[in-house]
C-alpha atoms as a PDB file:
ATOM      1  CA  MET A   1     109.467  94.409 114.590  1.00  0.00           C
ATOM      2  CA  PHE A   2     111.763  94.183 111.614  1.00  0.00           C
ATOM      3  CA  ALA A   3     111.933  96.266 108.463  1.00  0.00           C
ATOM      4  CA  PHE A   4     109.917  95.160 105.451  1.00  0.00           C
ATOM      5  CA  ARG A   5     108.916  97.565 102.722  1.00  0.00           C
ATOM      6  CA  GLN A   6     109.049 100.756 104.710  1.00  0.00           C
ATOM      7  CA  TYR A   7     108.616  98.957 108.077  1.00  0.00           C
ATOM      8  CA  LEU A   8     104.914  98.368 107.414  1.00  0.00           C
ATOM      9  CA  PHE A   9     104.849  94.665 108.235  1.00  0.00           C
ATOM     10  CA  MET A  10     105.755  93.087 111.543  1.00  0.00           C
ATOM     11  CA  ARG A  11     106.223  89.487 112.521  1.00  0.00           C
ATOM     12  CA  ALA A  12     106.125  88.119 116.025  1.00  0.00           C
ATOM     13  CA  PRO A  13     108.669  85.399 116.846  1.00  0.00           C
ATOM     14  CA  SER A  14     105.974  82.711 116.667  1.00  0.00           C
ATOM     15  CA  MET A  15     104.566  83.860 113.329  1.00  0.00           C
ATOM     16  CA  SER A  16     105.353  82.197 110.038  1.00  0.00           C
ATOM     17  CA  ALA A  17     105.795  83.871 106.678  1.00  0.00           C
ATOM     18  CA  GLU A  18     102.296  82.599 105.831  1.00  0.00           C
ATOM     19  CA  PHE A  19     100.677  84.844 108.407  1.00  0.00           C
ATOM     20  CA  PRO A  20     102.140  88.379 108.614  1.00  0.00           C
ATOM     21  CA  ILE A  21     101.135  91.223 110.906  1.00  0.00           C
ATOM     22  CA  PHE A  22     100.100  94.404 109.136  1.00  0.00           C
ATOM     23  CA  ASP A  23     100.927  97.719 110.817  1.00  0.00           C
ATOM     24  CA  LEU A  24      97.808  99.789 110.147  1.00  0.00           C
ATOM     25  CA  GLY A  25      99.003 102.901 111.946  1.00  0.00           C
ATOM     26  CA  ALA A  26     102.217 103.007 109.946  1.00  0.00           C
ATOM     27  CA  PHE A  27     100.236 102.641 106.710  1.00  0.00           C
ATOM     28  CA  GLU A  28      98.025 105.575 107.614  1.00  0.00           C
ATOM     29  CA  ASP A  29     101.057 107.708 108.476  1.00  0.00           C
ATOM     30  CA  SER A  30     102.820 106.925 105.174  1.00  0.00           C
ATOM     31  CA  ASP A  31     102.861 108.915 101.981  1.00  0.00           C
ATOM     32  CA  ALA A  32     101.135 107.761  98.796  1.00  0.00           C
ATOM     33  CA  SER A  33     104.156 105.940  97.371  1.00  0.00           C
ATOM     34  CA  HIS A  34     104.684 103.947 100.546  1.00  0.00           C
ATOM     35  CA  ARG A  35     100.991 103.052 100.649  1.00  0.00           C
ATOM     36  CA  LYS A  36     101.135 101.844  97.066  1.00  0.00           C
ATOM     37  CA  ALA A  37     104.129  99.626  97.881  1.00  0.00           C
ATOM     38  CA  LEU A  38     102.312  98.165 100.850  1.00  0.00           C
ATOM     39  CA  GLY A  39      99.210  97.617  98.739  1.00  0.00           C
ATOM     40  CA  THR A  40     101.200  95.317  96.481  1.00  0.00           C
ATOM     41  CA  GLU A  41     102.051  93.106  99.442  1.00  0.00           C
ATOM     42  CA  VAL A  42      98.486  93.126 100.798  1.00  0.00           C
ATOM     43  CA  ASP A  43      97.295  92.103  97.337  1.00  0.00           C
ATOM     44  CA  ARG A  44      99.743  89.187  97.378  1.00  0.00           C
ATOM     45  CA  ILE A  45      98.495  88.020 100.784  1.00  0.00           C
ATOM     46  CA  CYS A  46      94.857  88.276  99.783  1.00  0.00           C
ATOM     47  CA  ARG A  47      95.563  86.263  96.632  1.00  0.00           C
ATOM     48  CA  SER A  48      97.112  83.434  98.660  1.00  0.00           C
ATOM     49  CA  THR A  49      95.596  82.843 102.116  1.00  0.00           C
ATOM     50  CA  GLY A  50      93.295  85.840 102.532  1.00  0.00           C
ATOM     51  CA  PHE A  51      94.305  85.960 106.214  1.00  0.00           C
ATOM     52  CA  LEU A  52      96.516  88.478 107.987  1.00  0.00           C
ATOM     53  CA  ALA A  53      96.796  90.095 111.396  1.00  0.00           C
ATOM     54  CA  VAL A  54      96.389  93.838 111.942  1.00  0.00           C
ATOM     55  CA  GLY A  55      98.439  95.490 114.658  1.00  0.00           C
ATOM     56  CA  ASN A  56      98.857  99.120 115.714  1.00  0.00           C
ATOM     57  CA  HIS A  57      95.129  99.423 115.009  1.00  0.00           C
ATOM     58  CA  GLY A  58      94.266 102.161 117.479  1.00  0.00           C
ATOM     59  CA  VAL A  59      91.273 100.454 119.096  1.00  0.00           C
ATOM     60  CA  PRO A  60      91.467 101.385 122.804  1.00  0.00           C
ATOM     61  CA  GLN A  61      92.313  98.414 125.004  1.00  0.00           C
ATOM     62  CA  PRO A  62      89.685  99.361 127.637  1.00  0.00           C
ATOM     63  CA  VAL A  63      86.981  99.090 124.942  1.00  0.00           C
ATOM     64  CA  ILE A  64      88.216  95.617 124.021  1.00  0.00           C
ATOM     65  CA  ASP A  65      88.581  94.460 127.618  1.00  0.00           C
ATOM     66  CA  ALA A  66      85.147  95.681 128.701  1.00  0.00           C
ATOM     67  CA  ALA A  67      83.309  93.882 125.900  1.00  0.00           C
ATOM     68  CA  TRP A  68      85.390  90.729 126.308  1.00  0.00           C
ATOM     69  CA  ASN A  69      84.855  90.511 130.054  1.00  0.00           C
ATOM     70  CA  LYS A  70      81.112  91.187 129.861  1.00  0.00           C
ATOM     71  CA  ALA A  71      80.735  88.479 127.227  1.00  0.00           C
ATOM     72  CA  HIS A  72      82.700  86.051 129.388  1.00  0.00           C
ATOM     73  CA  ASP A  73      80.445  86.842 132.344  1.00  0.00           C
ATOM     74  CA  PHE A  74      77.338  86.346 130.195  1.00  0.00           C
ATOM     75  CA  PHE A  75      78.433  82.934 128.953  1.00  0.00           C
ATOM     76  CA  SER A  76      79.273  81.955 132.544  1.00  0.00           C
ATOM     77  CA  LEU A  77      75.643  82.419 133.610  1.00  0.00           C
ATOM     78  CA  PRO A  78      73.452  79.384 134.227  1.00  0.00           C
ATOM     79  CA  ALA A  79      71.561  78.260 131.125  1.00  0.00           C
ATOM     80  CA  ALA A  80      68.230  79.563 132.460  1.00  0.00           C
ATOM     81  CA  ALA A  81      69.666  83.053 133.025  1.00  0.00           C
ATOM     82  CA  LYS A  82      70.675  83.321 129.353  1.00  0.00           C
ATOM     83  CA  GLN A  83      67.247  82.442 127.996  1.00  0.00           C
ATOM     84  CA  PRO A  84      65.720  85.969 128.170  1.00  0.00           C
ATOM     85  CA  ALA A  85      68.211  86.968 125.458  1.00  0.00           C
ATOM     86  CA  ARG A  86      67.446  83.926 123.317  1.00  0.00           C
ATOM     87  CA  ALA A  87      66.673  84.505 119.629  1.00  0.00           C
ATOM     88  CA  PRO A  88      62.855  84.222 119.495  1.00  0.00           C
ATOM     89  CA  PHE A  89      62.658  81.802 116.580  1.00  0.00           C
ATOM     90  CA  GLU A  90      64.832  79.745 114.255  1.00  0.00           C
ATOM     91  CA  GLY A  91      66.594  81.981 111.746  1.00  0.00           C
ATOM     92  CA  TYR A  92      66.329  85.163 113.838  1.00  0.00           C
ATOM     93  CA  PRO A  93      69.739  86.813 113.490  1.00  0.00           C
ATOM     94  CA  TYR A  94      70.367  88.449 116.864  1.00  0.00           C
ATOM     95  CA  GLY A  95      70.413  87.553 120.511  1.00  0.00           C
ATOM     96  CA  TYR A  96      71.576  84.383 122.183  1.00  0.00           C
ATOM     97  CA  LEU A  97      71.977  81.132 120.255  1.00  0.00           C
ATOM     98  CA  GLY A  98      72.395  78.158 122.536  1.00  0.00           C
ATOM     99  CA  PRO A  99      74.720  75.181 122.154  1.00  0.00           C
ATOM    100  CA  GLU A 100      74.523  73.213 118.903  1.00  0.00           C
ATOM    101  CA  ALA A 101      72.191  75.723 117.222  1.00  0.00           C
ATOM    102  CA  GLU A 102      74.253  76.003 114.007  1.00  0.00           C
ATOM    103  CA  ALA A 103      76.225  73.881 111.596  1.00  0.00           C
ATOM    104  CA  LEU A 104      78.374  76.296 109.622  1.00  0.00           C
ATOM    105  CA  ALA A 105      79.548  73.669 107.136  1.00  0.00           C
ATOM    106  CA  LYS A 106      75.957  73.511 105.837  1.00  0.00           C
ATOM    107  CA  SER A 107      76.541  76.901 104.198  1.00  0.00           C
ATOM    108  CA  ARG A 108      78.798  74.974 101.800  1.00  0.00           C
ATOM    109  CA  GLY A 109      76.395  72.069 101.373  1.00  0.00           C
ATOM    110  CA  VAL A 110      78.262  69.773 103.774  1.00  0.00           C
ATOM    111  CA  ASP A 111      76.078  67.882 106.233  1.00  0.00           C
ATOM    112  CA  THR A 112      77.709  67.718 109.684  1.00  0.00           C
ATOM    113  CA  PRO A 113      76.616  67.481 113.299  1.00  0.00           C
ATOM    114  CA  PRO A 114      75.885  70.900 114.850  1.00  0.00           C
ATOM    115  CA  ASP A 115      78.851  72.971 115.970  1.00  0.00           C
ATOM    116  CA  LEU A 116      80.049  72.815 119.585  1.00  0.00           C
ATOM    117  CA  LYS A 117      79.523  76.455 120.442  1.00  0.00           C
ATOM    118  CA  GLU A 118      77.076  79.034 121.740  1.00  0.00           C
ATOM    119  CA  SER A 119      76.959  82.679 120.726  1.00  0.00           C
ATOM    120  CA  PHE A 120      75.551  86.118 121.319  1.00  0.00           C
ATOM    121  CA  ASN A 121      74.881  88.202 118.215  1.00  0.00           C
ATOM    122  CA  GLY A 122      74.104  91.853 117.618  1.00  0.00           C
ATOM    123  CA  GLY A 123      73.477  93.930 114.516  1.00  0.00           C
ATOM    124  CA  PRO A 124      73.453  97.573 113.405  1.00  0.00           C
ATOM    125  CA  GLN A 125      72.622 100.047 116.125  1.00  0.00           C
ATOM    126  CA  THR A 126      70.587 102.394 113.924  1.00  0.00           C
ATOM    127  CA  ILE A 127      68.255 102.039 110.946  1.00  0.00           C
ATOM    128  CA  PRO A 128      69.160 104.292 108.001  1.00  0.00           C
ATOM    129  CA  GLU A 129      66.699 107.061 107.272  1.00  0.00           C
ATOM    130  CA  GLY A 130      64.348 106.005 104.496  1.00  0.00           C
ATOM    131  CA  MET A 131      65.086 102.278 104.796  1.00  0.00           C
ATOM    132  CA  ALA A 132      61.828 100.578 103.823  1.00  0.00           C
ATOM    133  CA  ASP A 133      62.843  97.181 102.463  1.00  0.00           C
ATOM    134  CA  PRO A 134      60.755  94.695 104.492  1.00  0.00           C
ATOM    135  CA  GLN A 135      63.403  91.965 104.292  1.00  0.00           C
ATOM    136  CA  ALA A 136      66.112  94.315 105.526  1.00  0.00           C
ATOM    137  CA  LEU A 137      63.951  95.539 108.384  1.00  0.00           C
ATOM    138  CA  ALA A 138      62.983  92.011 109.374  1.00  0.00           C
ATOM    139  CA  PHE A 139      66.510  90.629 109.184  1.00  0.00           C
ATOM    140  CA  CYS A 140      69.556  92.895 109.291  1.00  0.00           C
ATOM    141  CA  TYR A 141      67.760  95.681 111.138  1.00  0.00           C
ATOM    142  CA  ALA A 142      65.887  93.383 113.493  1.00  0.00           C
ATOM    143  CA  ALA A 143      66.173  94.265 117.159  1.00  0.00           C
ATOM    144  CA  THR A 144      69.012  92.760 119.155  1.00  0.00           C
ATOM    145  CA  ILE A 145      67.601  90.750 122.063  1.00  0.00           C
ATOM    146  CA  TRP A 146      69.705  92.056 124.930  1.00  0.00           C
ATOM    147  CA  PRO A 147      70.453  90.053 128.091  1.00  0.00           C
ATOM    148  CA  ASP A 148      69.327  91.255 131.499  1.00  0.00           C
ATOM    149  CA  GLU A 149      72.734  90.544 132.966  1.00  0.00           C
ATOM    150  CA  PRO A 150      75.582  91.075 133.530  1.00  0.00           C
ATOM    151  CA  PRO A 151      75.253  94.812 134.282  1.00  0.00           C
ATOM    152  CA  GLY A 152      77.005  96.983 131.717  1.00  0.00           C
ATOM    153  CA  PHE A 153      76.872  94.370 128.961  1.00  0.00           C
ATOM    154  CA  VAL A 154      74.915  96.519 126.494  1.00  0.00           C
ATOM    155  CA  ASP A 155      77.102  99.619 126.791  1.00  0.00           C
ATOM    156  CA  ALA A 156      80.314  97.599 126.473  1.00  0.00           C
ATOM    157  CA  TRP A 157      78.949  95.727 123.455  1.00  0.00           C
ATOM    158  CA  LYS A 158      77.866  98.890 121.651  1.00  0.00           C
ATOM    159  CA  ALA A 159      81.229 100.592 122.226  1.00  0.00           C
ATOM    160  CA  TYR A 160      83.086  97.614 120.775  1.00  0.00           C
ATOM    161  CA  TYR A 161      80.704  97.411 117.808  1.00  0.00           C
ATOM    162  CA  ARG A 162      81.320 101.087 116.978  1.00  0.00           C
ATOM    163  CA  ALA A 163      85.077 100.545 117.221  1.00  0.00           C
ATOM    164  CA  MET A 164      84.872  97.620 114.818  1.00  0.00           C
ATOM    165  CA  GLU A 165      82.800  99.625 112.319  1.00  0.00           C
ATOM    166  CA  GLU A 166      85.498 102.283 112.270  1.00  0.00           C
ATOM    167  CA  LEU A 167      88.308  99.754 112.008  1.00  0.00           C
ATOM    168  CA  ALA A 168      86.594  97.922 109.138  1.00  0.00           C
ATOM    169  CA  GLU A 169      86.213 101.178 107.224  1.00  0.00           C
ATOM    170  CA  ARG A 170      89.941 101.866 107.621  1.00  0.00           C
ATOM    171  CA  ILE A 171      90.848  98.375 106.436  1.00  0.00           C
ATOM    172  CA  MET A 172      88.612  98.767 103.385  1.00  0.00           C
ATOM    173  CA  ARG A 173      90.680 101.817 102.469  1.00  0.00           C
ATOM    174  CA  VAL A 174      93.775  99.626 102.613  1.00  0.00           C
ATOM    175  CA  PHE A 175      92.047  97.114 100.361  1.00  0.00           C
ATOM    176  CA  ALA A 176      91.208  99.823  97.852  1.00  0.00           C
ATOM    177  CA  VAL A 177      94.880 100.775  97.649  1.00  0.00           C
ATOM    178  CA  ALA A 178      95.825  97.113  97.270  1.00  0.00           C
ATOM    179  CA  LEU A 179      93.425  96.818  94.323  1.00  0.00           C
ATOM    180  CA  ARG A 180      94.809  99.984  92.688  1.00  0.00           C
ATOM    181  CA  LEU A 181      91.559 101.850  93.258  1.00  0.00           C
ATOM    182  CA  PRO A 182      91.015 105.304  94.738  1.00  0.00           C
ATOM    183  CA  GLU A 183      91.421 105.009  98.489  1.00  0.00           C
ATOM    184  CA  ASP A 184      87.796 105.971  99.119  1.00  0.00           C
ATOM    185  CA  TYR A 185      86.408 103.684  96.389  1.00  0.00           C
ATOM    186  CA  PHE A 186      84.419 101.470  98.753  1.00  0.00           C
ATOM    187  CA  SER A 187      83.013 104.321 100.848  1.00  0.00           C
ATOM    188  CA  ALA A 188      79.716 104.509  98.950  1.00  0.00           C
ATOM    189  CA  PHE A 189      79.195 100.763  99.436  1.00  0.00           C
ATOM    190  CA  ILE A 190      79.781 100.759 103.203  1.00  0.00           C
ATOM    191  CA  ASP A 191      78.358 104.021 104.523  1.00  0.00           C
ATOM    192  CA  GLN A 192      75.317 102.156 105.922  1.00  0.00           C
ATOM    193  CA  PRO A 193      76.787  98.695 106.535  1.00  0.00           C
ATOM    194  CA  ILE A 194      74.708  95.790 107.808  1.00  0.00           C
ATOM    195  CA  SER A 195      77.543  94.320 109.827  1.00  0.00           C
ATOM    196  CA  ALA A 196      77.093  91.960 112.763  1.00  0.00           C
ATOM    197  CA  LEU A 197      79.133  91.304 115.879  1.00  0.00           C
ATOM    198  CA  ARG A 198      79.253  87.807 117.316  1.00  0.00           C
ATOM    199  CA  ALA A 199      80.698  86.684 120.647  1.00  0.00           C
ATOM    200  CA  LEU A 200      81.406  82.960 120.601  1.00  0.00           C
ATOM    201  CA  ASN A 201      81.877  80.609 123.500  1.00  0.00           C
ATOM    202  CA  TYR A 202      83.197  77.115 122.918  1.00  0.00           C
ATOM    203  CA  PRO A 203      82.277  75.360 126.167  1.00  0.00           C
ATOM    204  CA  GLN A 204      84.510  72.933 127.966  1.00  0.00           C
ATOM    205  CA  GLN A 205      84.134  69.531 126.358  1.00  0.00           C
ATOM    206  CA  ASP A 206      83.268  66.927 128.961  1.00  0.00           C
ATOM    207  CA  ILE A 207      81.839  64.526 126.356  1.00  0.00           C
ATOM    208  CA  ALA A 208      83.666  63.370 123.235  1.00  0.00           C
ATOM    209  CA  PRO A 209      82.437  65.072 120.028  1.00  0.00           C
ATOM    210  CA  LYS A 210      80.338  63.118 117.558  1.00  0.00           C
ATOM    211  CA  PRO A 211      82.117  61.902 114.405  1.00  0.00           C
ATOM    212  CA  GLY A 212      82.790  64.923 112.210  1.00  0.00           C
ATOM    213  CA  GLN A 213      81.691  67.397 114.891  1.00  0.00           C
ATOM    214  CA  LEU A 214      83.881  70.482 115.329  1.00  0.00           C
ATOM    215  CA  ARG A 215      83.681  73.642 117.376  1.00  0.00           C
ATOM    216  CA  ALA A 216      82.962  75.424 114.084  1.00  0.00           C
ATOM    217  CA  GLY A 217      82.660  73.539 110.814  1.00  0.00           C
ATOM    218  CA  ALA A 218      84.642  74.503 107.739  1.00  0.00           C
ATOM    219  CA  HIS A 219      83.108  77.586 106.125  1.00  0.00           C
ATOM    220  CA  THR A 220      83.821  80.879 104.459  1.00  0.00           C
ATOM    221  CA  ASP A 221      82.457  84.172 105.746  1.00  0.00           C
ATOM    222  CA  TYR A 222      79.814  85.921 103.713  1.00  0.00           C
ATOM    223  CA  GLY A 223      80.681  89.607 103.632  1.00  0.00           C
ATOM    224  CA  SER A 224      83.621  91.810 102.723  1.00  0.00           C
ATOM    225  CA  LEU A 225      85.917  91.039 105.657  1.00  0.00           C
ATOM    226  CA  THR A 226      85.860  89.635 109.176  1.00  0.00           C
ATOM    227  CA  ILE A 227      87.687  91.083 112.180  1.00  0.00           C
ATOM    228  CA  LEU A 228      88.424  88.262 114.604  1.00  0.00           C
ATOM    229  CA  LEU A 229      89.665  88.521 118.167  1.00  0.00           C
ATOM    230  CA  PRO A 230      90.643  85.045 119.405  1.00  0.00           C
ATOM    231  CA  GLN A 231      91.385  84.246 123.016  1.00  0.00           C
ATOM    232  CA  ALA A 232      95.027  84.692 123.995  1.00  0.00           C
ATOM    233  CA  GLY A 233      96.884  81.400 123.925  1.00  0.00           C
ATOM    234  CA  SER A 234      93.985  79.505 122.371  1.00  0.00           C
ATOM    235  CA  ARG A 235      94.262  76.871 119.687  1.00  0.00           C
ATOM    236  CA  GLY A 236      91.910  75.436 117.120  1.00  0.00           C
ATOM    237  CA  LEU A 237      91.433  78.085 114.409  1.00  0.00           C
ATOM    238  CA  GLU A 238      92.765  76.784 111.085  1.00  0.00           C
ATOM    239  CA  ILE A 239      92.737  78.031 107.507  1.00  0.00           C
ATOM    240  CA  HIS A 240      92.764  75.894 104.375  1.00  0.00           C
ATOM    241  CA  ALA A 241      95.770  76.623 102.188  1.00  0.00           C
ATOM    242  CA  ALA A 242      95.858  76.357  98.406  1.00  0.00           C
ATOM    243  CA  ASP A 243      98.042  73.246  98.683  1.00  0.00           C
ATOM    244  CA  GLY A 244      95.394  71.463 100.746  1.00  0.00           C
ATOM    245  CA  ARG A 245      96.979  71.881 104.167  1.00  0.00           C
ATOM    246  CA  TRP A 246      95.095  73.110 107.220  1.00  0.00           C
ATOM    247  CA  ILE A 247      97.295  75.818 108.762  1.00  0.00           C
ATOM    248  CA  PRO A 248      96.860  76.800 112.451  1.00  0.00           C
ATOM    249  CA  VAL A 249      96.247  80.517 113.013  1.00  0.00           C
ATOM    250  CA  PRO A 250      97.834  81.626 116.291  1.00  0.00           C
ATOM    251  CA  PRO A 251      96.408  84.501 118.341  1.00  0.00           C
ATOM    252  CA  VAL A 252      98.631  87.574 118.127  1.00  0.00           C
ATOM    253  CA  GLU A 253      98.923  89.781 121.182  1.00  0.00           C
ATOM    254  CA  GLY A 254      97.684  93.278 120.443  1.00  0.00           C
ATOM    255  CA  ALA A 255      96.395  92.404 116.973  1.00  0.00           C
ATOM    256  CA  PHE A 256      93.175  91.430 115.248  1.00  0.00           C
ATOM    257  CA  VAL A 257      92.959  88.611 112.718  1.00  0.00           C
ATOM    258  CA  ILE A 258      91.442  89.634 109.369  1.00  0.00           C
ATOM    259  CA  ASN A 259      90.043  87.338 106.735  1.00  0.00           C
ATOM    260  CA  ILE A 260      88.474  87.936 103.350  1.00  0.00           C
ATOM    261  CA  GLY A 261      84.788  87.089 102.867  1.00  0.00           C
ATOM    262  CA  ASP A 262      82.709  85.874  99.936  1.00  0.00           C
ATOM    263  CA  LEU A 263      81.627  89.295  98.715  1.00  0.00           C
ATOM    264  CA  MET A 264      85.209  90.516  98.441  1.00  0.00           C
ATOM    265  CA  ALA A 265      86.041  87.398  96.422  1.00  0.00           C
ATOM    266  CA  ARG A 266      83.101  88.169  94.120  1.00  0.00           C
ATOM    267  CA  TRP A 267      84.175  91.811  93.851  1.00  0.00           C
ATOM    268  CA  THR A 268      87.675  90.727  92.804  1.00  0.00           C
ATOM    269  CA  ASN A 269      86.593  87.861  90.499  1.00  0.00           C
ATOM    270  CA  ASP A 270      88.331  85.384  92.835  1.00  0.00           C
ATOM    271  CA  ARG A 271      91.600  87.278  92.590  1.00  0.00           C
ATOM    272  CA  TRP A 272      91.299  87.409  96.384  1.00  0.00           C
ATOM    273  CA  VAL A 273      90.564  84.303  98.388  1.00  0.00           C
ATOM    274  CA  SER A 274      87.507  83.923 100.581  1.00  0.00           C
ATOM    275  CA  THR A 275      89.323  81.718 102.996  1.00  0.00           C
ATOM    276  CA  LEU A 276      87.913  78.397 104.099  1.00  0.00           C
ATOM    277  CA  HIS A 277      88.459  78.087 107.833  1.00  0.00           C
ATOM    278  CA  ARG A 278      87.289  76.085 110.819  1.00  0.00           C
ATOM    279  CA  VAL A 279      87.712  75.698 114.579  1.00  0.00           C
ATOM    280  CA  VAL A 280      88.829  72.191 115.426  1.00  0.00           C
ATOM    281  CA  ASN A 281      88.944  70.306 118.701  1.00  0.00           C
ATOM    282  CA  PRO A 282      92.604  70.264 119.738  1.00  0.00           C
ATOM    283  CA  PRO A 283      93.683  67.098 121.531  1.00  0.00           C
ATOM    284  CA  PRO A 284      92.996  66.980 125.277  1.00  0.00           C
ATOM    285  CA  GLU A 285      96.705  66.933 126.097  1.00  0.00           C
ATOM    286  CA  ALA A 286      97.012  70.300 124.307  1.00  0.00           C
ATOM    287  CA  GLY A 287      94.203  71.876 126.293  1.00  0.00           C
ATOM    288  CA  GLY A 288      91.650  71.143 123.601  1.00  0.00           C
ATOM    289  CA  THR A 289      88.815  70.375 125.993  1.00  0.00           C
ATOM    290  CA  GLY A 290      89.003  73.722 127.768  1.00  0.00           C
ATOM    291  CA  ARG A 291      86.610  76.618 127.319  1.00  0.00           C
ATOM    292  CA  ARG A 292      87.501  79.099 124.562  1.00  0.00           C
ATOM    293  CA  GLN A 293      86.049  82.489 123.590  1.00  0.00           C
ATOM    294  CA  SER A 294      86.352  84.726 120.545  1.00  0.00           C
ATOM    295  CA  PHE A 295      84.789  87.810 118.955  1.00  0.00           C
ATOM    296  CA  ALA A 296      84.002  88.016 115.245  1.00  0.00           C
ATOM    297  CA  PHE A 297      82.871  91.225 113.540  1.00  0.00           C
ATOM    298  CA  PHE A 298      81.395  90.450 110.131  1.00  0.00           C
ATOM    299  CA  HIS A 299      81.660  93.544 107.985  1.00  0.00           C
ATOM    300  CA  GLN A 300      78.904  93.599 105.387  1.00  0.00           C
ATOM    301  CA  PRO A 301      78.292  96.288 102.742  1.00  0.00           C
ATOM    302  CA  ASN A 302      75.026  98.229 102.621  1.00  0.00           C
ATOM    303  CA  TRP A 303      71.855  96.178 102.122  1.00  0.00           C
ATOM    304  CA  HIS A 304      71.313  97.468  98.568  1.00  0.00           C
ATOM    305  CA  ALA A 305      75.014  97.524  97.601  1.00  0.00           C
ATOM    306  CA  GLU A 306      75.460  95.761  94.267  1.00  0.00           C
ATOM    307  CA  ILE A 307      78.503  93.521  94.314  1.00  0.00           C
ATOM    308  CA  LYS A 308      79.870  92.893  90.847  1.00  0.00           C
ATOM    309  CA  CYS A 309      83.306  92.345  89.405  1.00  0.00           C
ATOM    310  CA  LEU A 310      85.612  95.336  89.738  1.00  0.00           C
ATOM    311  CA  PRO A 311      86.933  96.535  86.358  1.00  0.00           C
ATOM    312  CA  SER A 312      90.475  96.443  87.739  1.00  0.00           C
ATOM    313  CA  CYS A 313      90.061  92.700  88.430  1.00  0.00           C
ATOM    314  CA  LEU A 314      88.889  91.758  84.945  1.00  0.00           C
ATOM    315  CA  ALA A 315      91.626  91.102  82.412  1.00  0.00           C
ATOM    316  CA  ALA A 316      91.123  91.761  78.718  1.00  0.00           C
ATOM    317  CA  GLY A 317      88.903  89.046  77.256  1.00  0.00           C
ATOM    318  CA  GLU A 318      88.084  87.638  80.679  1.00  0.00           C
ATOM    319  CA  ASN A 319      84.501  87.160  81.867  1.00  0.00           C
ATOM    320  CA  ALA A 320      83.144  87.754  85.336  1.00  0.00           C
ATOM    321  CA  ARG A 321      82.821  84.497  87.254  1.00  0.00           C
ATOM    322  CA  TYR A 322      79.774  85.618  89.213  1.00  0.00           C
ATOM    323  CA  ASP A 323      76.529  87.356  88.466  1.00  0.00           C
ATOM    324  CA  PRO A 324      75.970  90.564  90.439  1.00  0.00           C
ATOM    325  CA  VAL A 325      74.319  90.136  93.840  1.00  0.00           C
ATOM    326  CA  LEU A 326      72.901  92.513  96.429  1.00  0.00           C
ATOM    327  CA  SER A 327      74.716  92.432  99.733  1.00  0.00           C
ATOM    328  CA  GLY A 328      71.697  92.011 102.021  1.00  0.00           C
ATOM    329  CA  PRO A 329      69.761  89.249 100.265  1.00  0.00           C
ATOM    330  CA  TYR A 330      73.009  87.334  99.711  1.00  0.00           C
ATOM    331  CA  LEU A 331      73.798  87.487 103.423  1.00  0.00           C
ATOM    332  CA  MET A 332      70.297  86.433 104.391  1.00  0.00           C
ATOM    333  CA  SER A 333      70.326  83.354 102.173  1.00  0.00           C
ATOM    334  CA  LYS A 334      73.667  82.225 103.571  1.00  0.00           C
ATOM    335  CA  PHE A 335      72.721  82.738 107.193  1.00  0.00           C
ATOM    336  CA  GLN A 336      69.472  80.862 106.930  1.00  0.00           C
ATOM    337  CA  ALA A 337      71.251  77.847 105.445  1.00  0.00           C
ATOM    338  CA  THR A 338      73.292  77.362 108.644  1.00  0.00           C
ATOM    339  CA  THR A 339      70.710  77.546 111.421  1.00  0.00           C
ATOM    340  CA  MET A 340      69.520  74.470 113.267  1.00  0.00           C
ATOM    341  CA  PRO A 341      66.388  73.989 115.384  1.00  0.00           C
ATOM    342  CA  GLN A 342      67.497  75.118 118.815  1.00  0.00           C
ATOM    343  CA  ALA A 343      67.700  72.523 121.525  1.00  0.00           C
ATOM    344  CA  ARG A 344      65.488  73.136 124.531  1.00  0.00           C
ATOM    345  CA  THR A 345      67.357  74.303 127.631  1.00  0.00           C
ATOM    346  CA  SER A 346      66.186  74.886 131.152  1.00  0.00           C
END
């Protein structure tokens, strides 16, 4: 680690200046002036790529390892053994989605072959008291369809989900400082979040992809932020830079990858970038055909949270670029645009 503005940023030897590592623990231990200085740099990053890594995050390694290993064991099951956890119908948000069940690029109106991945998805673990919106109950608060095996999967998943909820809340406090807002500004918007956790498996590729077919098509995420845990040593995740380049995002040992989502871009009037990203098929000689796993925690504000331009992001005489939206219905419309009729498996 080397010093940068009160030692709050780190950079591993393999990292470029385009992708810094943010020391969350050091931020939280700093005084107000140091936090303000760091916020300026976080603001700069979120204006450019919208991607950074977060280290010294405090999430216990046993919690990470348990969830990761149980997900790996689940995806290793025969196809028939995964079917009890299958989402019951097209567009259902939680449970197992089999291979080629989504085409993420469709969320941006781009027609592509379905993505070369399978996933397990889970949502909030409790329903807020008084929640009566039928759409919310049918979608974000729908039951997660749990697998029968491997043993211990459910407990490991729930522990990791809780850890990600807490981490997302801490990162949102950093974002508030970066936007020159009170540190707890976003608290009222995220005290009953409708976040989702997704484990992704990109199977070994024994057959060449169809033209234009990727492991995950180019897309932006829909919520406030995403906490990604890629497989160590893996390749394929890329972000689209302002100059048109696709920049590889390397896994960082001991760190999570964070990217800005659509709702944060709307909140900031596009001051912050909702980063276009994809997972490509690396060439076979670079290990591109091998199996790859990742976790993505999609942090989403409360169902009824109104997302409209922050006053601090609206210059004098400037108009908001987006009409206000509600977090839940916005998420639902985006998700349903990406789902594909699921292929039959046996």
